[in-house]
Protein backbone atom coordinates (compact mmCIF):
# COMPACT_ATOMS: atom_id res chain seq x y z
CA LEU A 1 9.45 17.87 4.69
CA GLY A 2 13.09 17.60 3.66
CA ALA A 3 13.94 15.52 6.74
CA LEU A 4 10.92 13.29 6.14
CA LEU A 5 11.84 12.72 2.49
CA SER A 6 15.45 11.93 3.46
CA ALA A 7 14.30 9.43 6.09
CA LEU A 8 11.90 7.78 3.65
CA ALA A 9 14.56 7.72 0.93
CA TYR A 10 17.23 5.87 2.91
CA THR A 11 14.61 3.59 4.48
CA LEU A 12 13.26 2.51 1.07
CA MET A 13 16.80 2.26 -0.33
CA LEU A 14 17.76 -0.21 2.39
CA ILE A 15 14.60 -2.24 1.77
CA PHE A 16 15.26 -2.27 -1.98
CA THR A 17 18.90 -3.25 -1.36
CA GLY A 18 17.76 -6.24 0.68
CA PHE A 19 15.30 -7.15 -2.08
CA LEU A 20 18.03 -7.01 -4.75
CA MET A 21 20.53 -8.96 -2.65
CA ARG A 22 18.02 -11.75 -2.06
CA SER A 23 16.84 -11.74 -5.69
CA ALA A 24 20.45 -11.90 -6.97
CA ARG A 25 21.16 -14.75 -4.52
CA VAL A 26 23.84 -12.79 -2.71
CA LEU A 27 22.03 -13.88 0.48
CA ASN A 28 20.66 -17.40 0.74
CA ASP A 29 17.96 -18.70 3.08
CA ALA A 30 20.41 -19.58 5.84
CA GLU A 31 21.99 -16.11 5.80
CA VAL A 32 18.59 -14.41 5.79
CA GLY A 33 17.59 -16.57 8.75
CA GLY A 34 20.77 -15.53 10.54
CA LEU A 35 19.98 -11.84 9.98
CA SER A 36 16.45 -12.36 11.31
CA ARG A 37 17.71 -14.16 14.42
CA PHE A 38 20.29 -11.42 15.04
CA CYS A 39 17.54 -8.78 14.86
CA GLY A 40 15.07 -10.65 17.06
CA LEU A 41 17.45 -12.12 19.65
CA LEU A 42 20.05 -9.38 20.08
CA ALA A 43 19.61 -6.10 18.19
CA LEU A 44 15.94 -5.36 19.00
CA PRO A 45 16.19 -6.35 22.72
CA CYS A 46 19.30 -4.16 23.05
CA ALA A 47 17.56 -1.21 21.35
CA LEU A 48 14.53 -1.50 23.66
CA PHE A 49 16.72 -1.97 26.75
CA ALA A 50 18.80 1.13 25.91
CA SER A 51 15.63 3.17 25.42
CA VAL A 52 13.92 2.09 28.66
CA VAL A 53 16.88 2.00 31.04
CA ASP A 54 17.56 5.77 30.90
CA LEU A 55 14.01 6.96 30.23
CA ASP A 56 12.81 10.06 32.08
CA TRP A 57 9.33 9.02 33.20
CA SER A 58 8.30 12.60 33.93
CA SER A 59 8.47 13.41 30.20
CA VAL A 60 6.26 10.49 29.15
CA ASP A 61 2.82 11.44 27.88
CA TRP A 62 0.73 8.69 29.47
CA THR A 63 -2.45 10.08 27.92
CA LEU A 64 -1.00 9.67 24.43
CA LEU A 65 0.17 6.15 25.27
CA LEU A 66 -3.32 5.28 26.50
CA GLY A 67 -4.86 6.76 23.36
CA MET A 68 -2.56 4.69 21.15
CA PHE A 69 -3.51 1.51 23.02
CA ILE A 70 -7.26 2.25 22.88
CA SER A 71 -7.00 2.99 19.14
CA LYS A 72 -5.22 -0.30 18.45
CA ALA A 73 -7.80 -2.19 20.54
CA ILE A 74 -10.68 -0.58 18.59
CA ILE A 75 -9.12 -1.44 15.23
CA PHE A 76 -8.35 -5.00 16.40
CA ALA A 77 -11.92 -5.57 17.59
CA PHE A 78 -13.45 -4.01 14.46
CA THR A 79 -11.36 -6.16 12.10
CA ALA A 80 -11.96 -9.36 14.06
CA LEU A 81 -15.73 -8.83 14.30
CA ALA A 82 -16.00 -7.89 10.63
CA SER A 83 -14.11 -11.06 9.69
CA LEU A 84 -16.41 -13.18 11.88
CA SER A 85 -19.63 -11.53 10.70
CA ARG A 86 -20.50 -14.23 8.13
CA SER A 87 -18.90 -17.35 9.61
CA ARG A 88 -17.62 -18.54 12.99
CA SER A 89 -15.93 -21.70 11.82
CA PRO A 90 -12.42 -22.55 13.07
CA GLU A 91 -10.96 -21.39 9.76
CA ALA A 92 -12.81 -18.06 10.05
CA ILE A 93 -11.54 -17.58 13.63
CA ALA A 94 -7.94 -18.18 12.59
CA ARG A 95 -8.34 -15.86 9.61
CA ALA A 96 -9.91 -13.17 11.81
CA GLY A 97 -6.96 -13.33 14.21
CA LEU A 98 -4.48 -12.94 11.35
CA PHE A 99 -6.37 -10.03 9.79
CA ALA A 100 -6.72 -8.27 13.16
CA VAL A 101 -2.97 -8.56 13.79
CA PHE A 102 -2.30 -7.30 10.25
CA THR A 103 -4.26 -4.10 10.84
CA THR A 104 -2.69 -3.38 14.25
CA LYS A 105 0.94 -4.55 14.17
CA SER A 106 2.99 -1.77 12.56
CA ASN A 107 6.64 -1.94 11.62
CA ASP A 108 7.49 0.25 14.61
CA ILE A 109 11.23 0.19 15.15
CA ALA A 110 12.57 -0.48 11.65
CA PHE A 111 10.25 1.73 9.55
CA ALA A 112 8.35 4.07 11.87
CA LEU A 113 11.19 5.11 14.17
CA PRO A 114 13.39 6.84 11.51
CA ILE A 115 10.39 8.75 10.19
CA VAL A 116 9.16 9.80 13.64
CA SER A 117 12.68 10.85 14.66
CA ALA A 118 13.00 12.98 11.51
CA ILE A 119 9.87 15.13 11.96
CA PHE A 120 9.01 15.01 15.70
CA PRO A 121 10.84 15.74 19.00
CA PRO A 122 12.81 12.88 20.63
CA ILE A 123 10.12 12.15 23.21
CA PHE A 124 7.85 10.77 20.49
CA ALA A 125 10.55 8.27 19.49
CA LYS A 126 10.53 7.14 23.13
CA MET A 127 6.76 6.66 22.87
CA VAL A 128 7.31 4.28 19.96
CA TYR A 129 9.74 2.28 22.09
CA LEU A 130 7.28 2.18 24.98
CA PHE A 131 4.35 1.04 22.87
CA VAL A 132 6.18 -2.01 21.47
CA PRO A 133 5.94 -3.99 24.77
CA LEU A 134 2.23 -3.16 25.07
CA GLN A 135 1.64 -4.44 21.57
CA LEU A 136 3.62 -7.62 22.21
CA ALA A 137 2.16 -8.37 25.65
CA ILE A 138 -1.54 -7.51 25.23
CA ILE A 139 -2.72 -7.11 21.63
CA ASN A 140 -0.65 -9.69 19.74
CA PRO A 141 -1.37 -12.64 22.10
CA VAL A 142 -5.11 -12.30 21.48
CA GLY A 143 -4.61 -12.65 17.73
CA LEU A 144 -2.12 -15.48 18.19
CA MET A 145 -4.58 -17.28 20.45
CA MET A 146 -7.26 -17.03 17.76
CA MET A 147 -4.86 -18.38 15.13
CA GLU A 148 -3.72 -21.16 17.47
CA TYR A 149 -7.30 -22.16 18.28
CA GLY A 150 -8.43 -22.07 14.64
CA SER A 151 -5.44 -24.00 13.30
CA ALA A 152 -5.71 -26.64 16.05
CA ALA A 153 -9.44 -27.08 15.40
CA MET A 154 -8.84 -27.40 11.64
CA GLN A 155 -6.11 -29.96 12.27
CA GLN A 156 -8.46 -31.88 14.55
CA GLN A 157 -11.14 -31.88 11.85
CA ARG A 158 -8.65 -33.17 9.28
CA ASN A 159 -7.57 -35.94 11.65
CA ASP A 160 -11.18 -36.94 12.25
CA GLU A 161 -11.87 -37.05 8.51
CA ARG A 162 -8.82 -39.21 7.81
CA GLY A 163 -9.52 -41.52 10.74
CA ARG A 164 -7.43 -41.72 13.87
CA PRO A 165 -4.85 -44.52 13.87
CA ALA A 166 -5.37 -47.39 16.27
CA GLY A 167 -3.98 -46.77 19.72
CA ALA A 168 -3.44 -43.05 19.08
CA THR A 169 -4.66 -40.61 21.69
CA CYS A 170 -5.25 -36.96 20.99
CA ARG A 171 -6.49 -34.80 23.82
CA PRO A 172 -7.10 -31.28 22.58
CA ARG A 173 -6.01 -28.43 24.79
CA SER A 174 -8.60 -26.11 26.28
CA PRO A 175 -8.73 -22.46 25.16
CA GLY A 176 -7.38 -21.40 28.55
CA ALA A 177 -4.37 -23.68 28.16
CA LYS A 178 -3.70 -22.33 24.67
CA LEU A 179 -3.92 -18.75 25.89
CA LEU A 180 -1.53 -19.58 28.74
CA ILE A 181 0.96 -21.10 26.30
CA VAL A 182 0.81 -18.03 24.07
CA PHE A 183 1.30 -15.63 27.00
CA CYS A 184 4.17 -17.66 28.43
CA SER A 185 5.96 -17.74 25.08
CA THR A 186 5.42 -13.99 24.71
CA LEU A 187 6.66 -13.10 28.19
CA SER A 188 9.68 -15.37 27.82
CA SER A 189 10.77 -13.76 24.54
CA PRO A 190 14.07 -11.79 24.55
CA VAL A 191 12.21 -8.56 23.76
CA MET A 192 10.00 -8.72 26.86
CA ILE A 193 12.90 -9.83 29.06
CA ALA A 194 14.97 -6.84 27.87
CA VAL A 195 12.11 -4.42 28.52
CA VAL A 196 11.42 -5.78 32.01
CA LEU A 197 15.13 -5.76 32.89
CA GLY A 198 15.54 -2.20 31.65
CA LEU A 199 12.47 -1.11 33.62
CA VAL A 200 13.81 -2.71 36.82
CA LEU A 201 17.23 -1.08 36.42
CA ASN A 202 15.61 2.28 35.63
CA LEU A 203 13.51 2.21 38.81
CA THR A 204 16.16 0.76 41.14
CA ALA A 205 19.52 2.02 39.86
CA ARG A 206 18.13 5.07 38.00
CA GLY A 207 19.72 3.91 34.78
CA ARG A 208 23.25 3.70 36.19
CA ILE A 209 24.85 0.72 34.49
CA PRO A 210 28.53 0.03 33.72
CA THR A 211 29.93 2.04 30.83
CA ALA A 212 31.04 -1.02 28.89
CA VAL A 213 27.58 -2.58 29.14
CA SER A 214 25.94 0.70 28.11
CA GLN A 215 28.18 1.08 25.04
CA PHE A 216 27.65 -2.55 24.03
CA VAL A 217 23.86 -2.21 24.29
CA GLN A 218 23.80 1.05 22.36
CA LEU A 219 26.08 -0.28 19.61
CA ALA A 220 24.05 -3.46 19.18
CA GLY A 221 20.79 -1.48 19.23
CA GLN A 222 22.02 0.93 16.57
CA ALA A 223 22.61 -2.01 14.23
CA TYR A 224 18.94 -2.99 14.39
CA THR A 225 17.47 -0.39 12.03
CA SER A 226 19.67 -1.08 9.02
CA THR A 227 19.68 -4.85 9.54
CA ALA A 228 15.91 -4.99 10.02
CA LEU A 229 15.27 -2.96 6.87
CA LEU A 230 17.50 -5.29 4.88
CA THR A 231 15.55 -8.20 6.34
CA VAL A 232 12.28 -6.57 5.27
CA GLY A 233 13.58 -6.38 1.69
CA THR A 234 14.69 -10.02 1.73
CA SER A 235 11.31 -11.08 3.11
CA LEU A 236 9.54 -9.28 0.24
CA SER A 237 11.72 -11.16 -2.24
CA ILE A 238 10.99 -14.47 -0.51
CA VAL A 239 7.25 -13.69 -0.64
CA GLY A 240 7.44 -13.22 -4.39
CA LYS A 241 9.37 -16.43 -5.04
CA ARG A 242 7.60 -18.78 -2.67
CA ASP A 243 4.02 -17.69 -3.00
CA GLY A 244 3.88 -16.39 -6.53
CA VAL A 245 2.96 -12.73 -6.14
CA GLY A 246 2.68 -12.47 -9.92
CA ALA A 247 0.19 -15.34 -10.08
CA PRO A 248 -3.49 -14.37 -10.35
CA ILE A 249 -5.79 -14.61 -7.33
CA ASP A 250 -9.57 -14.67 -7.18
CA GLY A 251 -11.57 -11.48 -6.98
CA ILE A 252 -12.89 -12.08 -3.46
CA SER A 253 -9.36 -12.35 -2.03
CA ALA A 254 -8.38 -9.18 -3.88
CA LEU A 255 -11.37 -7.35 -2.40
CA VAL A 256 -10.53 -8.58 1.12
CA GLY A 257 -6.89 -7.57 0.74
CA THR A 258 -7.80 -4.11 -0.54
CA SER A 259 -10.17 -3.58 2.39
CA LEU A 260 -7.52 -4.62 4.92
CA ILE A 261 -4.91 -2.30 3.40
CA PHE A 262 -7.44 0.55 3.49
CA VAL A 263 -8.12 -0.15 7.18
CA LYS A 264 -4.40 -0.39 8.04
CA VAL A 265 -3.24 2.74 6.22
CA PHE A 266 -6.23 5.10 6.37
CA VAL A 267 -8.85 3.99 8.91
CA ALA A 268 -6.24 3.24 11.59
CA ALA A 269 -4.72 6.71 11.13
CA LEU A 270 -8.13 8.40 11.47
CA VAL A 271 -9.08 6.38 14.55
CA MET A 272 -5.78 7.11 16.26
CA TYR A 273 -6.03 10.78 15.31
CA HIS A 274 -9.45 11.25 16.88
CA VAL A 275 -8.97 9.03 19.94
CA CYS A 276 -5.65 10.68 20.86
CA GLY A 277 -7.16 14.07 20.02
CA LEU A 278 -10.09 13.55 22.39
CA LEU A 279 -7.75 12.50 25.20
CA THR A 280 -5.21 15.32 24.65
CA ASP A 281 -7.66 18.11 23.70
CA TYR A 282 -6.44 17.95 20.07
CA ASP A 283 -2.90 19.12 20.71
CA THR A 284 -1.44 19.83 17.26
CA GLN A 285 1.85 17.98 17.66
CA THR A 286 0.29 15.01 19.43
CA ILE A 287 -2.46 14.39 16.89
CA SER A 288 0.04 14.83 14.03
CA PHE A 289 2.23 12.13 15.56
CA ALA A 290 -0.80 9.88 16.11
CA PHE A 291 -1.88 10.21 12.49
CA VAL A 292 1.60 9.55 11.07
CA TYR A 293 2.09 6.56 13.37
CA GLY A 294 -1.33 5.18 12.47
CA CYS A 295 -0.61 4.94 8.74
CA MET A 296 2.63 2.95 9.06
CA PRO A 297 2.78 -0.30 7.06
CA PRO A 298 2.52 -3.67 8.84
CA ALA A 299 5.53 -5.62 10.05
CA PRO A 300 6.87 -8.66 8.15
CA THR A 301 6.23 -10.72 11.30
CA VAL A 302 2.61 -11.02 10.15
CA TYR A 303 3.76 -12.99 7.11
CA VAL A 304 5.89 -15.24 9.34
CA TRP A 305 2.84 -16.06 11.47
CA ALA A 306 0.72 -16.65 8.38
CA ARG A 307 3.24 -19.23 7.14
CA GLN A 308 3.54 -20.77 10.59
CA TYR A 309 -0.19 -21.38 10.93
CA GLY A 310 -0.89 -21.90 7.22
CA ILE A 311 -3.51 -19.14 6.99
CA CYS A 312 -3.87 -16.99 3.83
CA THR A 313 -0.13 -17.10 3.15
CA GLU A 314 -0.27 -15.86 -0.42
CA LEU A 315 -2.75 -13.08 0.34
CA THR A 316 -0.71 -11.89 3.34
CA GLY A 317 2.44 -11.66 1.25
CA ARG A 318 0.66 -9.60 -1.38
CA MET A 319 -0.83 -7.28 1.24
CA LEU A 320 2.59 -6.63 2.80
CA VAL A 321 4.02 -5.52 -0.54
CA VAL A 322 1.05 -3.38 -1.55
CA SER A 323 0.63 -1.77 1.88
CA LEU A 324 4.26 -0.62 1.82
CA LEU A 325 3.71 0.97 -1.61
CA VAL A 326 0.45 2.62 -0.49
CA ALA A 327 1.68 3.89 2.89
CA THR A 328 4.78 5.64 1.54
CA PRO A 329 3.05 8.42 -0.51
CA PHE A 330 0.40 8.70 2.21
CA ILE A 331 3.12 9.46 4.78
CA VAL A 332 4.68 12.04 2.42
CA ILE A 333 1.34 13.81 2.00
CA THR A 334 0.80 13.79 5.77
CA GLY A 335 4.23 15.33 6.36
CA LEU A 336 3.45 17.99 3.75
CA MET A 337 0.19 18.89 5.51
CA ILE A 338 2.03 19.13 8.84
CA ASP A 339 4.59 21.53 7.35
CA LEU A 340 1.86 23.57 5.65
CA GLY A 341 0.15 24.00 9.01
CA ALA A 342 3.44 25.19 10.51
CA THR A 343 3.85 27.96 7.89
CA ARG A 344 0.81 29.80 9.37
CA GLY A 345 -0.19 31.53 6.14
CA ASP A 346 3.26 32.68 5.00
CA LEU A 347 2.87 32.68 1.21
CA ALA A 348 6.58 32.48 0.40
CA SER A 349 7.13 29.51 2.73
CA THR A 350 3.99 27.80 1.47
CA ARG A 351 5.00 28.22 -2.17
CA GLY A 352 8.50 26.92 -1.51
CA LEU A 353 7.13 23.93 0.36
CA LEU A 354 4.66 23.09 -2.40
CA ASP A 355 7.36 23.40 -5.07
CA ALA A 356 9.65 21.06 -3.12
CA ALA A 357 6.86 18.52 -2.67
CA THR A 358 5.91 18.76 -6.35
CA GLN A 359 9.48 18.17 -7.47
CA SER A 360 9.89 15.17 -5.17
CA ILE A 361 6.63 13.53 -6.27
CA ASP A 362 7.31 14.22 -9.95
CA ALA A 363 10.85 12.83 -9.68
CA LEU A 364 9.45 9.62 -8.18
CA ALA A 365 6.78 9.45 -10.90
CA ILE A 366 9.41 9.86 -13.64
CA CYS A 367 11.51 7.04 -12.17
CA CYS A 368 8.45 4.75 -12.04
CA CYS A 369 7.50 5.58 -15.64
CA VAL A 370 11.03 4.93 -16.88
CA TRP A 371 11.05 1.62 -15.01
CA MET A 372 7.75 0.56 -16.61
CA VAL A 373 8.88 1.52 -20.11
CA ALA A 374 12.12 -0.40 -19.58
CA GLN A 375 10.13 -3.45 -18.48
CA PHE A 376 7.96 -3.17 -21.59
CA ALA A 377 11.05 -2.86 -23.80
CA VAL A 378 12.74 -5.89 -22.21
CA SER A 379 9.62 -8.00 -22.75
CA ARG A 380 9.66 -7.02 -26.46
CA GLN A 381 5.87 -6.75 -26.50
CA MET A 382 5.35 -3.01 -26.32
CA ARG A 383 2.84 -3.05 -29.19
CA SER A 384 0.79 -6.06 -28.18
CA GLY A 385 -1.78 -6.82 -25.53
CA PHE A 386 -2.26 -4.84 -22.37
CA ARG A 387 1.14 -3.14 -22.73
CA ALA A 388 0.00 -1.37 -25.89
CA GLU A 389 -3.04 -0.06 -23.99
CA LEU A 390 -0.99 1.08 -21.00
CA LEU A 391 2.07 2.54 -22.75
CA PRO A 392 0.43 5.85 -23.88
CA LEU A 393 -0.84 6.43 -20.34
CA VAL A 394 2.65 5.88 -18.90
CA LEU A 395 4.23 8.25 -21.43
CA CYS A 396 1.63 10.95 -20.70
CA ASN A 397 2.32 10.75 -16.98
CA ALA A 398 6.07 11.00 -17.61
CA ALA A 399 5.56 14.06 -19.86
CA SER A 400 3.31 15.67 -17.24
CA SER A 401 5.90 15.17 -14.49
CA LEU A 402 8.78 16.45 -16.64
CA SER A 403 6.85 19.55 -17.69
CA ALA A 404 5.81 20.26 -14.08
CA VAL A 405 9.45 20.21 -12.94
CA ALA A 406 10.46 22.36 -15.93
CA CYS A 407 7.65 24.83 -15.15
CA ILE A 408 9.00 25.32 -11.62
CA HIS A 409 12.57 25.96 -12.82
CA SER A 410 11.70 28.04 -15.89
CA SER A 411 11.98 31.82 -15.95
CA THR A 412 9.11 34.16 -15.20
CA SER A 413 8.73 35.44 -18.78
CA ARG A 414 5.51 34.41 -20.50
CA ALA A 415 7.26 33.44 -23.73
CA THR A 416 9.33 30.86 -21.86
CA LYS A 417 6.68 29.48 -19.51
CA LEU A 418 3.80 29.26 -22.01
CA PRO A 419 5.10 26.27 -24.05
CA VAL A 420 5.97 24.37 -20.88
CA ASP A 421 2.55 25.12 -19.41
CA VAL A 422 0.83 23.98 -22.61
CA VAL A 423 2.68 20.65 -22.53
CA ARG A 424 1.94 20.19 -18.84
CA GLN A 425 -1.80 20.80 -19.08
CA PHE A 426 -2.21 18.85 -22.30
CA SER A 427 -0.38 15.81 -20.92
CA GLN A 428 -2.41 15.93 -17.69
CA HIS A 429 -5.72 16.09 -19.53
CA LEU A 430 -4.63 13.41 -21.99
CA ALA A 431 -3.64 11.09 -19.14
CA VAL A 432 -7.07 11.51 -17.56
CA ALA A 433 -8.80 10.81 -20.88
CA LEU A 434 -6.63 7.76 -21.57
CA ALA A 435 -7.39 6.31 -18.14
CA ALA A 436 -11.12 6.62 -18.83
CA ALA A 437 -10.69 5.09 -22.30
CA LEU A 438 -8.70 2.19 -20.83
CA ALA A 439 -11.48 1.41 -18.35
CA VAL A 440 -14.12 1.55 -21.09
CA ARG A 441 -12.07 -0.73 -23.35
CA LEU A 442 -11.59 -3.22 -20.53
CA PHE A 443 -15.35 -3.43 -20.04
CA ARG A 444 -15.98 -3.68 -23.81
CA SER A 445 -13.53 -6.58 -24.03
CA LEU A 446 -16.16 -8.79 -22.38
CA ARG A 447 -18.34 -8.69 -25.51
CA THR A 448 -15.96 -7.63 -28.30
CA SER A 449 -13.57 -9.73 -30.33
CA PRO A 450 -9.82 -9.05 -30.10
CA GLU A 451 -9.61 -8.04 -33.77
CA ARG A 452 -12.26 -5.37 -33.31
CA MET A 453 -10.64 -4.15 -30.10
CA ARG A 454 -7.36 -3.71 -31.92
CA ALA A 455 -9.06 -1.88 -34.80
CA GLU A 456 -10.83 0.51 -32.41
CA ARG A 457 -7.66 1.49 -30.57
CA PRO A 458 -6.65 4.41 -32.88
CA ARG A 459 -10.16 5.88 -32.70
CA PHE A 460 -10.14 5.81 -28.92
CA HIS A 461 -6.73 7.48 -28.84
CA ALA A 462 -7.83 10.15 -31.36
CA ALA A 463 -10.91 10.94 -29.24
CA CYS A 464 -8.73 11.28 -26.15
CA VAL A 465 -6.34 13.65 -27.94
CA ALA A 466 -9.24 15.79 -29.21
CA ALA A 467 -10.80 16.05 -25.75
CA ALA A 468 -7.45 16.95 -24.18
CA LEU A 469 -6.78 19.62 -26.81
CA PHE A 470 -10.20 21.17 -26.30
CA VAL A 471 -9.87 21.38 -22.50
CA THR A 472 -6.29 22.67 -22.76
CA ALA A 473 -7.39 25.39 -25.18
CA CYS A 474 -10.11 26.44 -22.75
CA GLN A 475 -7.62 26.61 -19.88
CA LEU A 476 -4.91 28.51 -21.73
CA SER A 477 -6.99 31.03 -23.69
CA ASP A 478 -6.12 34.55 -22.58
CA ARG A 479 -8.49 37.50 -22.89
CA SER A 480 -5.98 40.05 -21.62
CA GLY A 481 -3.91 40.07 -24.84
CA PRO A 482 -4.02 42.67 -27.66
CA ARG A 483 -7.41 43.44 -29.21
CA TRP A 484 -7.42 42.93 -32.96
CA PRO A 485 -9.57 45.22 -35.17
CA ARG A 486 -12.99 44.01 -36.36
CA GLY A 487 -12.77 42.15 -39.65
CA ASP A 488 -9.36 40.67 -38.90
CA PRO A 489 -9.57 36.84 -38.78
CA ARG A 490 -7.57 36.95 -35.57
CA SER A 491 -10.38 38.90 -33.89
CA GLU A 492 -12.85 36.08 -34.60
CA PHE A 493 -10.35 33.56 -33.19
CA GLN A 494 -9.92 35.73 -30.10
CA CYS A 495 -13.67 36.03 -29.56
CA VAL A 496 -14.13 32.26 -29.69
CA PHE A 497 -11.37 31.57 -27.24
CA GLY A 498 -12.45 34.44 -25.03
CA LEU A 499 -15.83 32.76 -24.71
CA LEU A 500 -14.13 29.46 -23.95
CA ASN A 501 -11.92 31.11 -21.34
CA SER A 502 -14.94 32.55 -19.52
CA ARG A 503 -16.35 29.01 -19.29
CA ALA A 504 -13.02 27.30 -18.64
CA PRO A 505 -13.66 26.28 -14.99
CA TYR A 506 -16.99 24.69 -15.93
CA VAL A 507 -15.46 22.92 -18.92
CA ARG A 508 -12.68 21.49 -16.74
CA ILE A 509 -15.10 20.37 -14.03
CA CYS A 510 -17.36 18.64 -16.56
CA PHE A 511 -14.38 17.00 -18.24
CA LEU A 512 -12.97 15.65 -14.95
CA THR A 513 -16.41 14.48 -13.76
CA LEU A 514 -17.07 12.63 -17.02
CA ALA A 515 -13.58 11.09 -16.99
CA VAL A 516 -13.96 9.86 -13.40
CA ALA A 517 -17.38 8.39 -14.19
CA LEU A 518 -16.07 6.65 -17.32
CA THR A 519 -13.12 5.30 -15.30
CA LEU A 520 -14.98 4.02 -12.23
CA LEU A 521 -18.24 2.69 -13.66
CA PRO A 522 -16.76 0.22 -16.19
CA LEU A 523 -14.26 -1.04 -13.61
CA LEU A 524 -17.00 -1.49 -11.00
CA LEU A 525 -19.23 -3.32 -13.48
CA PHE A 526 -16.37 -5.55 -14.63
CA ASN A 527 -15.34 -6.39 -11.05
CA ALA A 528 -18.96 -6.91 -9.96
CA ARG A 529 -19.52 -9.40 -12.75
CA TYR A 530 -16.30 -11.21 -11.95
CA LEU A 531 -17.04 -11.31 -8.19
CA ARG A 532 -20.60 -12.51 -8.83
CA THR A 533 -19.23 -15.35 -10.91
CA GLU A 534 -16.68 -16.22 -8.21
CA LEU A 535 -19.39 -16.35 -5.54
CA ARG A 536 -21.63 -18.48 -7.74
CA LEU A 537 -18.85 -20.95 -8.41
CA ASN A 538 -17.94 -21.12 -4.71
CA ARG A 539 -21.55 -21.86 -3.75
CA ASN A 540 -21.73 -24.67 -6.30
CA ALA A 541 -18.28 -26.08 -5.53
CA THR A 542 -19.67 -29.11 -3.70
CA ASP A 543 -22.54 -29.71 -6.14
CA GLN A 544 -22.71 -30.03 -9.91
CA PRO A 545 -21.09 -26.89 -11.40
CA ASP A 546 -23.44 -24.50 -13.11
CA ALA A 547 -22.67 -24.39 -16.82
CA ARG A 548 -23.72 -20.76 -17.15
CA ALA A 549 -21.56 -19.70 -14.20
CA GLY A 550 -18.60 -21.59 -15.63
CA ALA A 551 -19.15 -19.99 -19.04
CA ALA A 552 -19.35 -16.51 -17.49
CA CYS A 553 -16.15 -17.08 -15.51
CA VAL A 554 -14.38 -18.37 -18.63
CA GLU A 555 -15.62 -15.33 -20.54
CA CYS A 556 -14.22 -12.88 -17.96
CA LYS A 557 -10.87 -14.66 -17.82
CA TRP A 558 -10.77 -14.87 -21.62
CA ALA A 559 -11.31 -11.10 -21.90
CA VAL A 560 -8.42 -10.40 -19.54
CA ALA A 561 -6.25 -12.91 -21.41
CA VAL A 562 -6.99 -11.14 -24.70
CA LEU A 563 -5.82 -7.82 -23.27
CA ARG A 564 -2.64 -9.42 -21.94
CA THR A 565 -1.76 -11.48 -24.99
CA GLY A 566 -2.83 -8.91 -27.57
CA GLY A 567 -5.19 -8.93 -30.49
CA GLY A 568 -4.69 -10.62 -33.78
CA ALA A 569 -4.56 -14.27 -34.62
CA ALA A 570 -1.81 -15.26 -32.17
CA GLY A 571 -3.39 -13.52 -29.16
CA THR A 572 -6.82 -14.92 -30.03
CA ARG A 573 -5.47 -18.47 -30.33
CA ARG A 574 -3.68 -18.22 -26.98
CA ALA A 575 -6.72 -16.73 -25.25
CA ARG A 576 -9.15 -19.21 -26.80
CA GLY A 577 -6.82 -22.07 -25.99
CA GLY A 578 -7.04 -21.13 -22.30
CA GLN A 579 -10.79 -20.71 -22.69
CA GLY A 580 -11.11 -24.19 -24.15
CA ASP A 581 -9.10 -25.69 -21.30
CA ALA A 582 -11.23 -23.88 -18.73
CA GLY A 583 -14.41 -24.91 -20.55
CA ARG A 584 -13.35 -28.54 -20.53
CA ALA A 585 -12.57 -28.25 -16.80
CA THR A 586 -16.08 -26.98 -16.11
């Protein structure tokens, strides 16, 4: 776990450094383009050539390689067919190709290779190198062909609608010609040339190449990882500036993006785990590698192709950012489970591993909470709008993480650990209650005025504090303490809390179940209403807009605007001003 956390730490630090350098304009567009060309034309081909030219083919697990390819093909076909289930128009075909490539093309060399090298034997890093040519030569061209066909058909439709100029001839290419063009461009790329050349030298000269050439290739290949990670960070910054990641998108696009991220990070890992497990008789190390490799985030090349073909550019940029944030904790949890399986029931090793994982996760949570509070303070609107609703939840999570770290490092005496444990459990229960209250208040904002929402805020917070205190008292009541004599007021207090302690597991289960229900149901109802309005407006886009649908959409957007701008007269005027503009548009 320590090696995995170190690999993830320096990987994310390099990505964040690239993001900061591009945001601070230390690197301009021309310099970022130069870094990308260096990675694609020199560094990556040299890294693949150095890996293939001296590869020992007897150590290659061909069954695992076949399982990885079959898994990617299954995920590609599933995503493409699901995208084409409702429409087979040229736009839908191009979009299906992009989504299928998004769920199958992982960031293999830059992101996956350091993580795989940190927790698995070196042969698995070689498997990553070997799978890159298969991805580039077989899987990617199918998606590119779909995008090429869809974009060409859409362009042809636009030309027909505008009217072809006199004397102009436009002979569309056949699908076979388009596929041939895509395959030729793929096979003539520097990456495929380097792989083929390394394979030929490996089979003919057994990897014996001049020392100067070998050192040059290795040195250029070693520069790929750091340069590519910096390029990933700069691409994330470019996504935010060009496509407006902070701008709102419609609910249907958000649902599609969430589904694709779920498929890429979780479904792909499960499919690869079971397919490789069936082919290798569920070898522990092999299926662990397959699962970790399956949940890697997608490569930034997907965004480049989306911009090139003009297909869902904004949505693709958002999905790249969110998938990186989702995949990172998922990889940490997977590495923790692998290490727990390796302890084989040793309690001391298991406890030490869990403590290390807890400290790492809590340290990351504290940094995120501090960052959010600093953002709220800079905006100077900590007590207004959505920030006032979210700030108590952020502070509770920070207190829970701090108390968890303090509980691990505190002494074993009960007098020292009890206050820390009280703070930890109270902050955890309060955070759960505040999350449920936030979801309920979001749903109530559809039918409640901003002034009333602001007036109800202290009552909601007081109810959350009371519920958290009650559950914490049930959890921390101790029946093994001294028995006070009958008639002493302390004996009555002890009897009450002894009864609560005997029912503490049931109280906690009921509290968590109710909190989850109050969190999910209002959010589902709010999103369902918003999505229903979006679908209704899309169906009536070509006809006369439905006044009720427009009013419902304005109402949903007005409720969100109220939460963001805050209650009171100023927030209401800003929200209603946007509502009036939207109403006039409808």
